[in-house]
Amino acid sequence: MIKLNADWIMKKGFMLGAGVRMYSFMEKIDPILEFFVPGLANYRINNRNFSYVIDARMGYQFSNGSRLSLQVTNINNQFVTIRPAKPESPRMFTLQYNTTLRYKKRKNSSFKAFK
């Protein structure tokens, strides 16, 4: 597997990013899998090249440190299987919000830890 990621952080909090993952052909698998998984042998004969997935993301970081981002996984919507008979997910959109919650400890707290 080869994985390449690049992010570009612009002024005023904007961010763009992209990634490429390349998976090589799995040379050897257990022969018992070809018996129990219908069509696996035929799929392996017809698909001997590497597989690749392209991802993209964009976002904005607010002044309080929180961040909102949109991520698109598998933009090219390519059929990829890393493990025999277990295809990876198709194109997927994810909207994500990140923030940090801070706990401020009080000086005269009535809470006492158990001993």
N, C-alpha and C. Protein backbone atom coordinates (compact mmCIF):
# COMPACT_ATOMS: atom_id res chain seq x y z
N MET A 1 0.84 -1.17 0.00
CA MET A 1 0.00 0.00 0.00
C MET A 1 0.89 1.24 0.00
N ILE A 2 0.53 2.20 -0.81
CA ILE A 2 1.19 3.50 -0.85
C ILE A 2 0.13 4.54 -0.52
N LYS A 3 0.45 5.43 0.39
CA LYS A 3 -0.49 6.46 0.79
C LYS A 3 0.19 7.82 0.69
N LEU A 4 -0.49 8.76 0.05
CA LEU A 4 0.05 10.10 -0.16
C LEU A 4 -1.02 11.11 0.26
N ASN A 5 -0.68 12.05 1.14
CA ASN A 5 -1.60 13.08 1.58
C ASN A 5 -0.95 14.44 1.45
N ALA A 6 -1.73 15.43 1.07
CA ALA A 6 -1.25 16.80 0.99
C ALA A 6 -2.35 17.73 1.49
N ASP A 7 -1.99 18.67 2.35
CA ASP A 7 -2.93 19.65 2.87
C ASP A 7 -2.39 21.04 2.61
N TRP A 8 -3.27 21.94 2.28
CA TRP A 8 -2.92 23.32 2.04
C TRP A 8 -3.75 24.18 2.97
N ILE A 9 -3.09 24.85 3.91
CA ILE A 9 -3.78 25.71 4.85
C ILE A 9 -3.59 27.15 4.38
N MET A 10 -4.71 27.77 4.05
CA MET A 10 -4.68 29.12 3.52
C MET A 10 -4.91 30.13 4.64
N LYS A 11 -4.76 31.37 4.32
CA LYS A 11 -5.03 32.42 5.30
C LYS A 11 -6.51 32.48 5.59
N LYS A 12 -6.84 33.05 6.70
CA LYS A 12 -8.22 33.24 7.16
C LYS A 12 -8.91 31.92 7.49
N GLY A 13 -8.17 30.85 7.77
CA GLY A 13 -8.75 29.63 8.30
C GLY A 13 -9.20 28.58 7.30
N PHE A 14 -9.09 28.81 6.01
CA PHE A 14 -9.53 27.83 5.03
C PHE A 14 -8.46 26.76 4.83
N MET A 15 -8.92 25.54 4.53
CA MET A 15 -8.01 24.41 4.34
C MET A 15 -8.51 23.55 3.19
N LEU A 16 -7.59 23.10 2.33
CA LEU A 16 -7.88 22.15 1.26
C LEU A 16 -6.91 20.98 1.39
N GLY A 17 -7.37 19.78 1.06
CA GLY A 17 -6.49 18.63 1.14
C GLY A 17 -6.91 17.54 0.18
N ALA A 18 -5.98 16.68 -0.13
CA ALA A 18 -6.26 15.55 -1.02
C ALA A 18 -5.37 14.38 -0.61
N GLY A 19 -5.81 13.20 -0.96
CA GLY A 19 -5.05 12.01 -0.66
C GLY A 19 -5.26 10.93 -1.71
N VAL A 20 -4.24 10.13 -1.90
CA VAL A 20 -4.31 9.00 -2.83
C VAL A 20 -3.81 7.77 -2.10
N ARG A 21 -4.56 6.69 -2.19
CA ARG A 21 -4.13 5.39 -1.64
C ARG A 21 -4.07 4.40 -2.78
N MET A 22 -2.95 3.70 -2.88
CA MET A 22 -2.79 2.69 -3.93
C MET A 22 -2.56 1.34 -3.27
N TYR A 23 -3.29 0.35 -3.73
CA TYR A 23 -3.18 -1.01 -3.20
C TYR A 23 -2.71 -1.94 -4.31
N SER A 24 -1.71 -2.75 -4.00
CA SER A 24 -1.22 -3.69 -5.00
C SER A 24 -2.13 -4.92 -5.05
N PHE A 25 -1.95 -5.70 -6.10
CA PHE A 25 -2.70 -6.94 -6.27
C PHE A 25 -2.24 -7.95 -5.22
N MET A 26 -3.18 -8.60 -4.57
CA MET A 26 -2.84 -9.61 -3.57
C MET A 26 -2.43 -10.89 -4.29
N GLU A 27 -1.13 -11.19 -4.24
CA GLU A 27 -0.58 -12.31 -5.00
C GLU A 27 -1.10 -13.67 -4.53
N LYS A 28 -1.09 -13.88 -3.25
CA LYS A 28 -1.47 -15.20 -2.75
C LYS A 28 -2.61 -15.09 -1.74
N ILE A 29 -3.58 -15.95 -1.91
CA ILE A 29 -4.65 -16.09 -0.92
C ILE A 29 -4.85 -17.58 -0.68
N ASP A 30 -5.54 -17.90 0.38
CA ASP A 30 -5.82 -19.31 0.67
C ASP A 30 -6.75 -19.89 -0.40
N PRO A 31 -6.40 -21.05 -0.95
CA PRO A 31 -7.25 -21.65 -1.99
C PRO A 31 -8.65 -21.98 -1.50
N ILE A 32 -8.82 -22.17 -0.21
CA ILE A 32 -10.14 -22.49 0.33
C ILE A 32 -11.12 -21.32 0.13
N LEU A 33 -10.58 -20.08 0.08
CA LEU A 33 -11.44 -18.92 -0.16
C LEU A 33 -12.07 -18.97 -1.54
N GLU A 34 -11.31 -19.42 -2.53
CA GLU A 34 -11.86 -19.51 -3.88
C GLU A 34 -12.97 -20.55 -3.96
N PHE A 35 -12.94 -21.51 -3.07
CA PHE A 35 -13.98 -22.54 -3.05
C PHE A 35 -15.26 -21.99 -2.41
N PHE A 36 -15.12 -21.26 -1.30
CA PHE A 36 -16.28 -20.79 -0.55
C PHE A 36 -16.86 -19.46 -1.04
N VAL A 37 -16.08 -18.67 -1.75
CA VAL A 37 -16.56 -17.36 -2.22
C VAL A 37 -16.81 -17.46 -3.72
N PRO A 38 -18.08 -17.49 -4.14
CA PRO A 38 -18.37 -17.63 -5.56
C PRO A 38 -17.89 -16.42 -6.37
N GLY A 39 -17.22 -16.68 -7.47
CA GLY A 39 -16.76 -15.63 -8.37
C GLY A 39 -15.43 -15.02 -7.99
N LEU A 40 -14.83 -15.42 -6.88
CA LEU A 40 -13.57 -14.83 -6.45
C LEU A 40 -12.43 -15.18 -7.41
N ALA A 41 -12.36 -16.41 -7.84
CA ALA A 41 -11.30 -16.81 -8.77
C ALA A 41 -11.41 -16.04 -10.08
N ASN A 42 -12.61 -15.89 -10.59
CA ASN A 42 -12.83 -15.16 -11.83
C ASN A 42 -12.47 -13.67 -11.66
N TYR A 43 -12.85 -13.09 -10.53
CA TYR A 43 -12.52 -11.69 -10.27
C TYR A 43 -11.01 -11.49 -10.23
N ARG A 44 -10.29 -12.41 -9.60
CA ARG A 44 -8.84 -12.28 -9.49
C ARG A 44 -8.15 -12.43 -10.84
N ILE A 45 -8.71 -13.24 -11.71
CA ILE A 45 -8.13 -13.40 -13.05
C ILE A 45 -8.32 -12.12 -13.87
N ASN A 46 -9.50 -11.49 -13.76
CA ASN A 46 -9.81 -10.31 -14.56
C ASN A 46 -9.27 -9.01 -13.98
N ASN A 47 -8.88 -8.99 -12.72
CA ASN A 47 -8.42 -7.76 -12.06
C ASN A 47 -7.06 -7.98 -11.42
N ARG A 48 -6.03 -7.93 -12.23
CA ARG A 48 -4.67 -8.18 -11.73
C ARG A 48 -3.86 -6.90 -11.53
N ASN A 49 -4.44 -5.74 -11.75
CA ASN A 49 -3.73 -4.47 -11.59
C ASN A 49 -3.89 -3.94 -10.17
N PHE A 50 -3.19 -2.87 -9.90
CA PHE A 50 -3.34 -2.22 -8.60
C PHE A 50 -4.65 -1.44 -8.57
N SER A 51 -5.11 -1.14 -7.36
CA SER A 51 -6.31 -0.33 -7.17
C SER A 51 -5.90 0.98 -6.51
N TYR A 52 -6.63 2.02 -6.80
CA TYR A 52 -6.33 3.30 -6.18
C TYR A 52 -7.62 4.01 -5.77
N VAL A 53 -7.51 4.80 -4.73
CA VAL A 53 -8.63 5.57 -4.19
C VAL A 53 -8.17 7.01 -4.02
N ILE A 54 -8.99 7.96 -4.47
CA ILE A 54 -8.67 9.38 -4.33
C ILE A 54 -9.65 9.99 -3.34
N ASP A 55 -9.11 10.73 -2.36
CA ASP A 55 -9.92 11.40 -1.35
C ASP A 55 -9.67 12.91 -1.44
N ALA A 56 -10.65 13.70 -0.99
CA ALA A 56 -10.49 15.15 -0.94
C ALA A 56 -11.17 15.68 0.31
N ARG A 57 -10.68 16.81 0.78
CA ARG A 57 -11.27 17.42 1.96
C ARG A 57 -11.10 18.93 1.88
N MET A 58 -12.04 19.63 2.47
CA MET A 58 -11.96 21.08 2.59
C MET A 58 -12.60 21.49 3.89
N GLY A 59 -12.11 22.58 4.46
CA GLY A 59 -12.65 22.96 5.74
C GLY A 59 -12.33 24.39 6.10
N TYR A 60 -12.83 24.77 7.28
CA TYR A 60 -12.60 26.10 7.80
C TYR A 60 -12.35 26.00 9.30
N GLN A 61 -11.31 26.69 9.78
CA GLN A 61 -11.02 26.71 11.20
C GLN A 61 -11.45 28.06 11.76
N PHE A 62 -12.34 28.00 12.75
CA PHE A 62 -12.87 29.21 13.35
C PHE A 62 -11.87 29.79 14.36
N SER A 63 -12.09 31.05 14.76
CA SER A 63 -11.16 31.73 15.66
C SER A 63 -11.12 31.09 17.05
N ASN A 64 -12.18 30.37 17.45
CA ASN A 64 -12.18 29.72 18.77
C ASN A 64 -11.49 28.36 18.76
N GLY A 65 -10.92 27.96 17.64
CA GLY A 65 -10.19 26.70 17.55
C GLY A 65 -11.01 25.54 17.01
N SER A 66 -12.31 25.69 16.89
CA SER A 66 -13.13 24.61 16.32
C SER A 66 -12.97 24.61 14.80
N ARG A 67 -13.34 23.48 14.19
CA ARG A 67 -13.12 23.30 12.75
C ARG A 67 -14.31 22.57 12.14
N LEU A 68 -14.73 23.00 10.98
CA LEU A 68 -15.79 22.36 10.20
C LEU A 68 -15.18 21.91 8.89
N SER A 69 -15.37 20.63 8.53
CA SER A 69 -14.76 20.13 7.30
C SER A 69 -15.71 19.19 6.56
N LEU A 70 -15.56 19.17 5.25
CA LEU A 70 -16.28 18.25 4.37
C LEU A 70 -15.24 17.33 3.75
N GLN A 71 -15.44 16.03 3.90
CA GLN A 71 -14.50 15.04 3.37
C GLN A 71 -15.23 14.16 2.37
N VAL A 72 -14.61 13.94 1.24
CA VAL A 72 -15.16 13.04 0.22
C VAL A 72 -14.16 11.91 0.04
N THR A 73 -14.59 10.70 0.37
CA THR A 73 -13.74 9.52 0.25
C THR A 73 -14.11 8.77 -1.02
N ASN A 74 -13.10 8.29 -1.74
CA ASN A 74 -13.29 7.54 -2.99
C ASN A 74 -14.04 8.38 -4.03
N ILE A 75 -13.47 9.52 -4.36
CA ILE A 75 -14.10 10.44 -5.32
C ILE A 75 -14.39 9.74 -6.64
N ASN A 76 -13.46 8.93 -7.12
CA ASN A 76 -13.64 8.26 -8.41
C ASN A 76 -14.61 7.09 -8.33
N ASN A 77 -15.14 6.79 -7.15
CA ASN A 77 -16.15 5.75 -6.95
C ASN A 77 -15.72 4.41 -7.55
N GLN A 78 -14.45 4.10 -7.41
CA GLN A 78 -13.89 2.87 -7.97
C GLN A 78 -14.18 1.69 -7.05
N PHE A 79 -14.45 0.54 -7.64
CA PHE A 79 -14.64 -0.68 -6.87
C PHE A 79 -13.26 -1.16 -6.42
N VAL A 80 -13.07 -1.20 -5.12
CA VAL A 80 -11.79 -1.60 -4.55
C VAL A 80 -12.05 -2.68 -3.49
N THR A 81 -11.25 -3.72 -3.56
CA THR A 81 -11.32 -4.75 -2.53
C THR A 81 -9.89 -5.03 -2.05
N ILE A 82 -9.67 -4.78 -0.77
CA ILE A 82 -8.35 -5.00 -0.19
C ILE A 82 -8.24 -6.43 0.31
N ARG A 83 -9.31 -6.91 0.91
CA ARG A 83 -9.36 -8.29 1.37
C ARG A 83 -10.27 -9.09 0.44
N PRO A 84 -10.01 -10.35 0.24
CA PRO A 84 -10.85 -11.15 -0.66
C PRO A 84 -12.31 -11.13 -0.21
N ALA A 85 -13.19 -10.85 -1.15
CA ALA A 85 -14.64 -10.88 -0.97
C ALA A 85 -15.14 -9.86 0.03
N LYS A 86 -14.37 -8.80 0.28
CA LYS A 86 -14.82 -7.73 1.17
C LYS A 86 -14.56 -6.39 0.49
N PRO A 87 -15.51 -5.93 -0.33
CA PRO A 87 -15.30 -4.67 -1.03
C PRO A 87 -15.31 -3.48 -0.07
N GLU A 88 -14.53 -2.48 -0.42
CA GLU A 88 -14.49 -1.25 0.37
C GLU A 88 -15.71 -0.40 0.03
N SER A 89 -15.95 0.61 0.84
CA SER A 89 -17.14 1.44 0.64
C SER A 89 -17.02 2.29 -0.63
N PRO A 90 -18.16 2.57 -1.27
CA PRO A 90 -18.14 3.44 -2.45
C PRO A 90 -17.95 4.90 -2.01
N ARG A 91 -18.16 5.82 -2.92
CA ARG A 91 -18.00 7.24 -2.62
C ARG A 91 -18.80 7.59 -1.37
N MET A 92 -18.15 8.36 -0.49
CA MET A 92 -18.80 8.69 0.77
C MET A 92 -18.51 10.15 1.12
N PHE A 93 -19.54 10.86 1.59
CA PHE A 93 -19.42 12.25 2.02
C PHE A 93 -19.53 12.31 3.53
N THR A 94 -18.63 13.06 4.16
CA THR A 94 -18.64 13.19 5.61
C THR A 94 -18.51 14.67 5.97
N LEU A 95 -19.45 15.14 6.78
CA LEU A 95 -19.38 16.49 7.32
C LEU A 95 -18.96 16.35 8.78
N GLN A 96 -17.88 17.02 9.16
CA GLN A 96 -17.31 16.82 10.49
C GLN A 96 -17.09 18.17 11.17
N TYR A 97 -17.44 18.21 12.46
CA TYR A 97 -17.20 19.39 13.28
C TYR A 97 -16.34 18.97 14.46
N ASN A 98 -15.19 19.62 14.65
CA ASN A 98 -14.28 19.33 15.76
C ASN A 98 -14.18 20.53 16.67
N THR A 99 -14.20 20.27 17.96
CA THR A 99 -13.99 21.32 18.95
C THR A 99 -13.33 20.71 20.17
N THR A 100 -12.78 21.56 21.00
CA THR A 100 -12.16 21.10 22.24
C THR A 100 -12.98 21.63 23.40
N LEU A 101 -13.40 20.74 24.26
CA LEU A 101 -14.14 21.12 25.47
C LEU A 101 -13.14 21.26 26.60
N ARG A 102 -13.17 22.38 27.25
CA ARG A 102 -12.23 22.63 28.34
C ARG A 102 -12.96 22.56 29.67
N TYR A 103 -12.35 21.87 30.61
CA TYR A 103 -12.89 21.76 31.95
C TYR A 103 -12.08 22.66 32.86
N LYS A 104 -12.75 23.60 33.47
CA LYS A 104 -12.06 24.53 34.36
C LYS A 104 -12.28 24.06 35.79
N LYS A 105 -11.21 23.74 36.46
CA LYS A 105 -11.28 23.24 37.82
C LYS A 105 -11.47 24.41 38.79
N ARG A 106 -12.43 24.23 39.70
CA ARG A 106 -12.69 25.26 40.70
C ARG A 106 -11.75 25.09 41.88
N LYS A 107 -11.41 26.20 42.51
CA LYS A 107 -10.50 26.14 43.65
C LYS A 107 -11.17 25.53 44.88
N ASN A 108 -12.37 25.93 45.19
CA ASN A 108 -13.07 25.46 46.40
C ASN A 108 -14.15 24.47 46.01
N SER A 109 -13.76 23.38 45.43
CA SER A 109 -14.72 22.38 44.99
C SER A 109 -15.14 21.50 46.15
N SER A 110 -16.44 21.17 46.20
CA SER A 110 -16.93 20.33 47.27
C SER A 110 -16.77 18.83 46.93
N PHE A 111 -16.34 18.53 45.70
CA PHE A 111 -16.16 17.14 45.29
C PHE A 111 -14.86 16.59 45.90
N LYS A 112 -14.96 15.42 46.52
CA LYS A 112 -13.78 14.78 47.09
C LYS A 112 -13.64 13.40 46.46
N ALA A 113 -12.45 13.07 46.11
CA ALA A 113 -12.17 11.77 45.48
C ALA A 113 -12.30 10.65 46.50
N PHE A 114 -12.75 9.49 46.04
CA PHE A 114 -12.83 8.31 46.91
C PHE A 114 -11.44 7.75 47.13
N LYS A 115 -11.20 7.27 48.33
CA LYS A 115 -9.89 6.69 48.64
C LYS A 115 -10.01 5.22 48.90
